[in-house]
Amino acid sequence: MTATITVTKKGADRARARHHWIYRSDVADVGTSRGGDVVRVVDPKGRPLGRAFYSDASLIAVRFVTFDDVETDRTFWERRLDNAIALRERVVEGTTAYRVVHGEGDLISSFVVDRYGDCLSIQTLSQGTERLKPLFVELLNERFVPRAIVERNDAHVRDLEGLPRQTS
């Protein structure tokens, strides 16, 4: 069962305006949510606002991945990744070095994928994307069959998420 987070009126107003982040000060109740969970986000009256990554460490406590109240299963993430790839196929020409996934811009908040020829570089910049990293790597392998996927998780923002900096 998906955990639910209730946000304040101010947080709900931000979500309704399609802001991708809600700060810790605008979270009213985390219920049984744990850092890294994909949670259902509701307003003070219990009305759904969408689904988001929850961080129990960062000041950015909620990072939306959808403003719809839908399950975020494997198929959901496949569609998100396929949409990002399709967009790049429409706009990128004449190179094999480009950003495949750009976090919030592709509604995969805090996840970045860069392509360099037949290699990919990933960044998981929140507890949520860190937890889903094995799934994301699997999906990227299926779509690109890269020679290598390297992890470039040495950004300062990982400190704010309570995550270690690492590269591989």
N, C-alpha and C. Protein backbone atom coordinates (compact mmCIF):
# COMPACT_ATOMS: atom_id res chain seq x y z
N MET A 1 0.83 -1.18 0.00
CA MET A 1 0.00 0.00 0.00
C MET A 1 0.88 1.25 0.00
N THR A 2 0.52 2.21 -0.78
CA THR A 2 1.28 3.45 -0.90
C THR A 2 1.04 4.35 0.31
N ALA A 3 2.12 4.81 0.92
CA ALA A 3 2.00 5.73 2.05
C ALA A 3 1.48 7.08 1.56
N THR A 4 0.84 7.81 2.47
CA THR A 4 0.25 9.10 2.14
C THR A 4 0.88 10.20 2.99
N ILE A 5 1.15 11.31 2.34
CA ILE A 5 1.65 12.51 3.01
C ILE A 5 0.60 13.60 2.84
N THR A 6 0.31 14.29 3.92
CA THR A 6 -0.60 15.43 3.87
C THR A 6 0.22 16.71 3.92
N VAL A 7 -0.09 17.62 3.01
CA VAL A 7 0.62 18.91 2.98
C VAL A 7 -0.32 20.01 3.47
N THR A 8 0.28 21.12 3.84
CA THR A 8 -0.50 22.28 4.30
C THR A 8 -1.23 22.90 3.12
N LYS A 9 -2.07 23.86 3.41
CA LYS A 9 -2.76 24.59 2.34
C LYS A 9 -1.74 25.24 1.41
N LYS A 10 -0.70 25.83 1.98
CA LYS A 10 0.35 26.46 1.16
C LYS A 10 1.01 25.43 0.25
N GLY A 11 1.30 24.25 0.79
CA GLY A 11 1.88 23.18 -0.02
C GLY A 11 0.93 22.72 -1.11
N ALA A 12 -0.35 22.62 -0.77
CA ALA A 12 -1.35 22.22 -1.76
C ALA A 12 -1.47 23.25 -2.88
N ASP A 13 -1.42 24.51 -2.51
CA ASP A 13 -1.48 25.57 -3.52
C ASP A 13 -0.28 25.48 -4.47
N ARG A 14 0.90 25.20 -3.92
CA ARG A 14 2.09 25.03 -4.76
C ARG A 14 1.89 23.86 -5.73
N ALA A 15 1.38 22.75 -5.21
CA ALA A 15 1.17 21.58 -6.06
C ALA A 15 0.15 21.87 -7.16
N ARG A 16 -0.90 22.54 -6.81
CA ARG A 16 -1.93 22.87 -7.82
C ARG A 16 -1.41 23.83 -8.88
N ALA A 17 -0.39 24.61 -8.51
CA ALA A 17 0.25 25.51 -9.48
C ALA A 17 1.34 24.78 -10.26
N ARG A 18 1.47 23.49 -10.02
CA ARG A 18 2.41 22.60 -10.71
C ARG A 18 3.88 22.85 -10.34
N HIS A 19 4.12 23.31 -9.12
CA HIS A 19 5.49 23.36 -8.63
C HIS A 19 5.89 21.93 -8.31
N HIS A 20 7.09 21.54 -8.68
CA HIS A 20 7.53 20.16 -8.53
C HIS A 20 8.00 19.82 -7.12
N TRP A 21 8.29 20.84 -6.32
CA TRP A 21 8.82 20.60 -4.98
C TRP A 21 7.89 21.17 -3.93
N ILE A 22 7.84 20.48 -2.79
CA ILE A 22 7.21 21.00 -1.58
C ILE A 22 8.23 20.88 -0.46
N TYR A 23 8.41 21.98 0.24
CA TYR A 23 9.41 22.02 1.30
C TYR A 23 8.88 21.41 2.59
N ARG A 24 9.82 20.98 3.41
CA ARG A 24 9.50 20.32 4.68
C ARG A 24 8.53 21.15 5.53
N SER A 25 8.67 22.47 5.50
CA SER A 25 7.81 23.34 6.31
C SER A 25 6.35 23.29 5.85
N ASP A 26 6.09 22.79 4.65
CA ASP A 26 4.72 22.69 4.14
C ASP A 26 4.17 21.27 4.17
N VAL A 27 4.84 20.39 4.92
CA VAL A 27 4.35 19.03 5.11
C VAL A 27 3.69 18.97 6.49
N ALA A 28 2.41 18.59 6.50
CA ALA A 28 1.67 18.54 7.76
C ALA A 28 1.78 17.19 8.46
N ASP A 29 1.78 16.10 7.68
CA ASP A 29 1.80 14.76 8.27
C ASP A 29 2.42 13.79 7.28
N VAL A 30 3.42 13.03 7.72
CA VAL A 30 4.07 12.06 6.84
C VAL A 30 3.51 10.66 7.00
N GLY A 31 2.63 10.46 7.97
CA GLY A 31 2.05 9.14 8.16
C GLY A 31 3.13 8.09 8.33
N THR A 32 3.05 7.01 7.55
CA THR A 32 4.02 5.91 7.65
C THR A 32 5.12 6.01 6.60
N SER A 33 5.22 7.16 5.94
CA SER A 33 6.19 7.33 4.87
C SER A 33 7.62 7.21 5.39
N ARG A 34 8.47 6.62 4.56
CA ARG A 34 9.90 6.52 4.86
C ARG A 34 10.67 7.21 3.74
N GLY A 35 11.83 7.71 4.07
CA GLY A 35 12.66 8.36 3.06
C GLY A 35 12.89 7.45 1.88
N GLY A 36 12.67 7.97 0.67
CA GLY A 36 12.84 7.19 -0.54
C GLY A 36 11.55 6.62 -1.09
N ASP A 37 10.48 6.66 -0.30
CA ASP A 37 9.19 6.15 -0.77
C ASP A 37 8.62 7.03 -1.88
N VAL A 38 7.88 6.41 -2.79
CA VAL A 38 7.00 7.17 -3.66
C VAL A 38 5.68 7.22 -2.91
N VAL A 39 5.21 8.42 -2.62
CA VAL A 39 4.05 8.60 -1.75
C VAL A 39 2.90 9.25 -2.51
N ARG A 40 1.73 9.04 -1.97
CA ARG A 40 0.53 9.74 -2.43
C ARG A 40 0.48 11.04 -1.64
N VAL A 41 0.29 12.15 -2.32
CA VAL A 41 0.27 13.46 -1.65
C VAL A 41 -1.16 13.98 -1.68
N VAL A 42 -1.64 14.41 -0.50
CA VAL A 42 -3.01 14.93 -0.40
C VAL A 42 -3.00 16.29 0.28
N ASP A 43 -4.07 17.06 0.04
CA ASP A 43 -4.22 18.36 0.69
C ASP A 43 -4.82 18.17 2.08
N PRO A 44 -5.00 19.24 2.86
CA PRO A 44 -5.53 19.10 4.22
C PRO A 44 -6.91 18.44 4.31
N LYS A 45 -7.68 18.47 3.21
CA LYS A 45 -8.99 17.83 3.21
C LYS A 45 -8.94 16.40 2.65
N GLY A 46 -7.74 15.91 2.37
CA GLY A 46 -7.58 14.55 1.87
C GLY A 46 -7.73 14.40 0.37
N ARG A 47 -7.83 15.51 -0.35
CA ARG A 47 -7.95 15.44 -1.82
C ARG A 47 -6.58 15.18 -2.43
N PRO A 48 -6.51 14.25 -3.39
CA PRO A 48 -5.20 13.89 -3.97
C PRO A 48 -4.60 15.01 -4.81
N LEU A 49 -3.28 15.15 -4.70
CA LEU A 49 -2.52 16.13 -5.47
C LEU A 49 -1.55 15.47 -6.44
N GLY A 50 -1.27 14.20 -6.24
CA GLY A 50 -0.35 13.48 -7.11
C GLY A 50 0.50 12.50 -6.34
N ARG A 51 1.58 12.06 -6.99
CA ARG A 51 2.55 11.13 -6.40
C ARG A 51 3.92 11.77 -6.44
N ALA A 52 4.73 11.46 -5.43
CA ALA A 52 6.02 12.13 -5.31
C ALA A 52 7.02 11.27 -4.56
N PHE A 53 8.29 11.59 -4.76
CA PHE A 53 9.35 11.03 -3.92
C PHE A 53 9.32 11.77 -2.59
N TYR A 54 9.46 11.04 -1.50
CA TYR A 54 9.53 11.65 -0.18
C TYR A 54 10.96 11.53 0.34
N SER A 55 11.48 12.63 0.89
CA SER A 55 12.78 12.63 1.54
C SER A 55 12.61 12.98 3.00
N ASP A 56 13.17 12.16 3.87
CA ASP A 56 13.10 12.45 5.30
C ASP A 56 14.34 13.22 5.77
N ALA A 57 15.22 13.58 4.83
CA ALA A 57 16.45 14.29 5.20
C ALA A 57 16.52 15.70 4.63
N SER A 58 16.05 15.89 3.42
CA SER A 58 16.21 17.16 2.71
C SER A 58 15.15 18.18 3.10
N LEU A 59 15.48 19.46 2.92
CA LEU A 59 14.47 20.50 3.08
C LEU A 59 13.41 20.39 1.98
N ILE A 60 13.80 19.81 0.83
CA ILE A 60 12.83 19.50 -0.22
C ILE A 60 12.29 18.11 0.13
N ALA A 61 11.17 18.10 0.82
CA ALA A 61 10.63 16.85 1.34
C ALA A 61 9.83 16.07 0.30
N VAL A 62 9.23 16.79 -0.65
CA VAL A 62 8.35 16.17 -1.65
C VAL A 62 8.79 16.62 -3.03
N ARG A 63 9.03 15.65 -3.91
CA ARG A 63 9.41 15.92 -5.31
C ARG A 63 8.41 15.19 -6.19
N PHE A 64 7.52 15.94 -6.81
CA PHE A 64 6.46 15.31 -7.61
C PHE A 64 7.01 14.60 -8.84
N VAL A 65 6.41 13.44 -9.12
CA VAL A 65 6.68 12.72 -10.37
C VAL A 65 5.42 12.67 -11.24
N THR A 66 4.28 12.97 -10.64
CA THR A 66 3.03 13.10 -11.39
C THR A 66 2.05 13.90 -10.55
N PHE A 67 1.23 14.68 -11.22
CA PHE A 67 0.18 15.42 -10.53
C PHE A 67 -1.15 14.69 -10.64
N ASP A 68 -1.10 13.43 -11.02
CA ASP A 68 -2.27 12.55 -11.06
C ASP A 68 -2.15 11.54 -9.95
N ASP A 69 -3.26 11.01 -9.52
CA ASP A 69 -3.28 10.00 -8.46
C ASP A 69 -3.26 8.62 -9.12
N VAL A 70 -2.06 8.21 -9.58
CA VAL A 70 -1.90 6.95 -10.29
C VAL A 70 -0.80 6.12 -9.65
N GLU A 71 -0.84 4.83 -9.88
CA GLU A 71 0.22 3.95 -9.38
C GLU A 71 1.53 4.25 -10.10
N THR A 72 2.61 4.17 -9.38
CA THR A 72 3.93 4.39 -9.97
C THR A 72 4.68 3.07 -10.01
N ASP A 73 4.15 2.16 -10.82
CA ASP A 73 4.73 0.83 -10.97
C ASP A 73 5.76 0.83 -12.10
N ARG A 74 6.25 -0.33 -12.45
CA ARG A 74 7.25 -0.45 -13.52
C ARG A 74 6.76 0.18 -14.82
N THR A 75 5.52 -0.06 -15.18
CA THR A 75 4.96 0.49 -16.42
C THR A 75 4.98 2.02 -16.39
N PHE A 76 4.68 2.61 -15.25
CA PHE A 76 4.73 4.06 -15.11
C PHE A 76 6.13 4.57 -15.44
N TRP A 77 7.15 3.95 -14.84
CA TRP A 77 8.53 4.40 -15.06
C TRP A 77 9.00 4.12 -16.48
N GLU A 78 8.55 3.02 -17.07
CA GLU A 78 8.87 2.75 -18.47
C GLU A 78 8.34 3.88 -19.36
N ARG A 79 7.08 4.27 -19.13
CA ARG A 79 6.49 5.36 -19.93
C ARG A 79 7.24 6.67 -19.74
N ARG A 80 7.58 6.98 -18.50
CA ARG A 80 8.32 8.22 -18.23
C ARG A 80 9.65 8.22 -19.01
N LEU A 81 10.39 7.13 -18.92
CA LEU A 81 11.67 7.04 -19.60
C LEU A 81 11.49 7.06 -21.11
N ASP A 82 10.51 6.33 -21.62
CA ASP A 82 10.25 6.31 -23.07
C ASP A 82 9.87 7.69 -23.59
N ASN A 83 9.10 8.44 -22.80
CA ASN A 83 8.74 9.81 -23.21
C ASN A 83 9.97 10.70 -23.30
N ALA A 84 10.88 10.57 -22.34
CA ALA A 84 12.11 11.37 -22.36
C ALA A 84 12.95 11.01 -23.58
N ILE A 85 13.08 9.72 -23.85
CA ILE A 85 13.86 9.27 -25.01
C ILE A 85 13.23 9.76 -26.30
N ALA A 86 11.92 9.65 -26.42
CA ALA A 86 11.22 10.09 -27.64
C ALA A 86 11.41 11.59 -27.87
N LEU A 87 11.37 12.38 -26.80
CA LEU A 87 11.59 13.82 -26.94
C LEU A 87 12.99 14.09 -27.50
N ARG A 88 14.00 13.42 -26.95
CA ARG A 88 15.37 13.63 -27.42
C ARG A 88 15.53 13.17 -28.87
N GLU A 89 14.85 12.12 -29.25
CA GLU A 89 14.93 11.65 -30.65
C GLU A 89 14.36 12.70 -31.61
N ARG A 90 13.39 13.49 -31.13
CA ARG A 90 12.81 14.55 -31.97
C ARG A 90 13.69 15.79 -32.05
N VAL A 91 14.45 16.08 -31.00
CA VAL A 91 15.16 17.36 -30.97
C VAL A 91 16.68 17.25 -31.11
N VAL A 92 17.26 16.09 -30.88
CA VAL A 92 18.71 15.93 -30.95
C VAL A 92 19.09 15.35 -32.31
N GLU A 93 20.00 16.04 -32.98
CA GLU A 93 20.46 15.57 -34.29
C GLU A 93 21.97 15.67 -34.37
N GLY A 94 22.58 14.73 -35.06
CA GLY A 94 23.99 14.82 -35.38
C GLY A 94 24.95 14.60 -34.24
N THR A 95 24.50 13.98 -33.15
CA THR A 95 25.40 13.71 -32.04
C THR A 95 24.92 12.49 -31.27
N THR A 96 25.84 11.84 -30.60
CA THR A 96 25.48 10.76 -29.69
C THR A 96 25.86 11.13 -28.26
N ALA A 97 26.08 12.42 -28.02
CA ALA A 97 26.36 12.92 -26.67
C ALA A 97 25.30 13.95 -26.32
N TYR A 98 24.41 13.59 -25.40
CA TYR A 98 23.32 14.48 -25.02
C TYR A 98 22.68 14.00 -23.73
N ARG A 99 21.89 14.86 -23.14
CA ARG A 99 21.14 14.52 -21.92
C ARG A 99 19.89 13.76 -22.33
N VAL A 100 19.76 12.55 -21.84
CA VAL A 100 18.61 11.69 -22.14
C VAL A 100 17.45 12.00 -21.19
N VAL A 101 17.75 12.16 -19.91
CA VAL A 101 16.74 12.47 -18.90
C VAL A 101 17.22 13.67 -18.11
N HIS A 102 16.33 14.66 -17.97
CA HIS A 102 16.67 15.88 -17.26
C HIS A 102 15.71 16.09 -16.09
N GLY A 103 15.76 15.21 -15.12
CA GLY A 103 15.03 15.35 -13.86
C GLY A 103 13.61 15.86 -13.99
N GLU A 104 13.36 16.99 -13.34
CA GLU A 104 12.02 17.57 -13.29
C GLU A 104 11.46 17.85 -14.68
N GLY A 105 12.31 18.21 -15.62
CA GLY A 105 11.86 18.49 -16.97
C GLY A 105 11.21 17.30 -17.65
N ASP A 106 11.60 16.11 -17.23
CA ASP A 106 11.02 14.88 -17.77
C ASP A 106 10.12 14.17 -16.76
N LEU A 107 9.77 14.88 -15.71
CA LEU A 107 8.93 14.34 -14.62
C LEU A 107 9.50 13.06 -14.01
N ILE A 108 10.83 13.03 -13.94
CA ILE A 108 11.52 12.01 -13.15
C ILE A 108 12.45 12.80 -12.22
N SER A 109 11.84 13.47 -11.29
CA SER A 109 12.54 14.40 -10.41
C SER A 109 13.81 13.79 -9.83
N SER A 110 14.89 14.53 -9.88
CA SER A 110 16.19 14.20 -9.28
C SER A 110 16.90 13.03 -9.96
N PHE A 111 16.54 12.74 -11.21
CA PHE A 111 17.21 11.69 -11.97
C PHE A 111 17.75 12.29 -13.26
N VAL A 112 19.04 12.07 -13.51
CA VAL A 112 19.70 12.61 -14.69
C VAL A 112 20.42 11.47 -15.41
N VAL A 113 20.24 11.42 -16.72
CA VAL A 113 20.96 10.44 -17.55
C VAL A 113 21.59 11.18 -18.73
N ASP A 114 22.89 11.00 -18.89
CA ASP A 114 23.60 11.55 -20.03
C ASP A 114 24.12 10.40 -20.89
N ARG A 115 24.08 10.62 -22.19
CA ARG A 115 24.58 9.62 -23.14
C ARG A 115 25.86 10.14 -23.77
N TYR A 116 26.85 9.27 -23.82
CA TYR A 116 28.12 9.54 -24.50
C TYR A 116 28.40 8.35 -25.39
N GLY A 117 27.93 8.41 -26.65
CA GLY A 117 28.10 7.29 -27.56
C GLY A 117 27.37 6.07 -27.05
N ASP A 118 28.13 4.99 -26.82
CA ASP A 118 27.49 3.75 -26.35
C ASP A 118 27.60 3.58 -24.83
N CYS A 119 27.83 4.67 -24.12
CA CYS A 119 27.89 4.65 -22.65
C CYS A 119 26.88 5.64 -22.08
N LEU A 120 26.38 5.34 -20.89
CA LEU A 120 25.46 6.22 -20.18
C LEU A 120 26.05 6.59 -18.83
N SER A 121 25.73 7.79 -18.38
CA SER A 121 26.11 8.26 -17.05
C SER A 121 24.82 8.62 -16.33
N ILE A 122 24.66 8.12 -15.10
CA ILE A 122 23.44 8.42 -14.35
C ILE A 122 23.77 9.15 -13.06
N GLN A 123 22.80 9.97 -12.62
CA GLN A 123 22.85 10.61 -11.31
C GLN A 123 21.51 10.38 -10.63
N THR A 124 21.55 9.84 -9.42
CA THR A 124 20.35 9.69 -8.59
C THR A 124 20.53 10.66 -7.42
N LEU A 125 19.79 11.76 -7.46
CA LEU A 125 20.06 12.88 -6.57
C LEU A 125 19.09 13.01 -5.40
N SER A 126 18.25 12.00 -5.20
CA SER A 126 17.34 12.00 -4.05
C SER A 126 17.23 10.58 -3.52
N GLN A 127 16.65 10.47 -2.34
CA GLN A 127 16.44 9.15 -1.76
C GLN A 127 15.54 8.29 -2.65
N GLY A 128 14.57 8.94 -3.30
CA GLY A 128 13.64 8.20 -4.15
C GLY A 128 14.30 7.60 -5.37
N THR A 129 15.10 8.40 -6.09
CA THR A 129 15.75 7.86 -7.28
C THR A 129 16.86 6.89 -6.90
N GLU A 130 17.47 7.10 -5.75
CA GLU A 130 18.48 6.15 -5.27
C GLU A 130 17.84 4.78 -5.04
N ARG A 131 16.66 4.77 -4.44
CA ARG A 131 15.98 3.50 -4.18
C ARG A 131 15.57 2.82 -5.49
N LEU A 132 15.18 3.62 -6.49
CA LEU A 132 14.74 3.06 -7.77
C LEU A 132 15.89 2.83 -8.75
N LYS A 133 17.12 3.11 -8.35
CA LYS A 133 18.26 2.99 -9.25
C LYS A 133 18.34 1.62 -9.93
N PRO A 134 18.17 0.50 -9.24
CA PRO A 134 18.25 -0.78 -9.94
C PRO A 134 17.21 -0.90 -11.08
N LEU A 135 16.00 -0.41 -10.85
CA LEU A 135 14.98 -0.44 -11.90
C LEU A 135 15.38 0.46 -13.06
N PHE A 136 15.84 1.67 -12.77
CA PHE A 136 16.24 2.59 -13.83
C PHE A 136 17.39 2.01 -14.66
N VAL A 137 18.36 1.39 -14.01
CA VAL A 137 19.48 0.77 -14.74
C VAL A 137 18.96 -0.35 -15.63
N GLU A 138 18.06 -1.16 -15.12
CA GLU A 138 17.47 -2.24 -15.91
C GLU A 138 16.75 -1.68 -17.15
N LEU A 139 15.94 -0.65 -16.96
CA LEU A 139 15.20 -0.06 -18.07
C LEU A 139 16.15 0.59 -19.09
N LEU A 140 17.19 1.25 -18.62
CA LEU A 140 18.16 1.85 -19.53
C LEU A 140 18.91 0.79 -20.33
N ASN A 141 19.27 -0.31 -19.67
CA ASN A 141 19.93 -1.42 -20.37
C ASN A 141 19.03 -1.99 -21.46
N GLU A 142 17.74 -2.12 -21.17
CA GLU A 142 16.81 -2.65 -22.17
C GLU A 142 16.69 -1.72 -23.37
N ARG A 143 16.72 -0.43 -23.15
CA ARG A 143 16.48 0.53 -24.22
C ARG A 143 17.73 0.88 -25.03
N PHE A 144 18.89 0.92 -24.38
CA PHE A 144 20.10 1.37 -25.06
C PHE A 144 21.14 0.27 -25.30
N VAL A 145 21.08 -0.80 -24.51
CA VAL A 145 22.11 -1.85 -24.54
C VAL A 145 23.50 -1.19 -24.55
N PRO A 146 23.78 -0.37 -23.55
CA PRO A 146 25.04 0.37 -23.54
C PRO A 146 26.23 -0.52 -23.20
N ARG A 147 27.39 -0.07 -23.62
CA ARG A 147 28.63 -0.77 -23.25
C ARG A 147 28.84 -0.66 -21.74
N ALA A 148 28.46 0.48 -21.19
CA ALA A 148 28.60 0.70 -19.75
C ALA A 148 27.59 1.74 -19.29
N ILE A 149 27.20 1.60 -18.02
CA ILE A 149 26.45 2.65 -17.33
C ILE A 149 27.29 3.02 -16.12
N VAL A 150 27.73 4.27 -16.07
CA VAL A 150 28.53 4.72 -14.95
C VAL A 150 27.67 5.60 -14.05
N GLU A 151 28.00 5.54 -12.79
CA GLU A 151 27.27 6.31 -11.78
C GLU A 151 28.11 7.53 -11.42
N ARG A 152 27.50 8.68 -11.51
CA ARG A 152 28.20 9.94 -11.21
C ARG A 152 27.47 10.63 -10.07
N ASN A 153 27.52 10.01 -8.92
CA ASN A 153 26.80 10.52 -7.76
C ASN A 153 27.74 11.19 -6.76
N ASP A 154 28.45 12.22 -7.26
CA ASP A 154 29.36 12.94 -6.39
C ASP A 154 28.91 14.38 -6.16
N ALA A 155 27.66 14.67 -6.46
CA ALA A 155 27.13 16.02 -6.30
C ALA A 155 26.82 16.33 -4.84
N HIS A 156 27.03 17.58 -4.46
CA HIS A 156 26.78 18.06 -3.09
C HIS A 156 25.33 17.80 -2.64
N VAL A 157 24.39 17.85 -3.56
CA VAL A 157 22.98 17.69 -3.19
C VAL A 157 22.73 16.33 -2.52
N ARG A 158 23.55 15.33 -2.81
CA ARG A 158 23.39 14.02 -2.15
C ARG A 158 23.64 14.14 -0.64
N ASP A 159 24.53 15.04 -0.23
CA ASP A 159 24.76 15.27 1.19
C ASP A 159 23.46 15.72 1.86
N LEU A 160 22.73 16.61 1.19
CA LEU A 160 21.49 17.15 1.74
C LEU A 160 20.40 16.08 1.82
N GLU A 161 20.53 15.04 1.03
CA GLU A 161 19.57 13.93 1.03
C GLU A 161 19.99 12.81 2.00
N GLY A 162 21.14 13.00 2.65
CA GLY A 162 21.64 11.95 3.55
C GLY A 162 22.20 10.76 2.80
N LEU A 163 22.64 10.99 1.55
CA LEU A 163 23.17 9.92 0.71
C LEU A 163 24.68 10.11 0.55
N PRO A 164 25.42 9.01 0.46
CA PRO A 164 26.87 9.13 0.26
C PRO A 164 27.19 9.57 -1.16
N ARG A 165 28.30 10.29 -1.31
CA ARG A 165 28.78 10.62 -2.65
C ARG A 165 29.55 9.39 -3.15
N GLN A 166 29.31 9.06 -4.42
CA GLN A 166 30.00 7.89 -4.99
C GLN A 166 30.03 7.96 -6.50
N THR A 167 31.03 7.32 -7.07
CA THR A 167 31.12 7.16 -8.51
C THR A 167 31.52 5.71 -8.78
N SER A 168 31.09 5.22 -9.91
CA SER A 168 31.48 3.85 -10.29
C SER A 168 31.42 3.70 -11.79
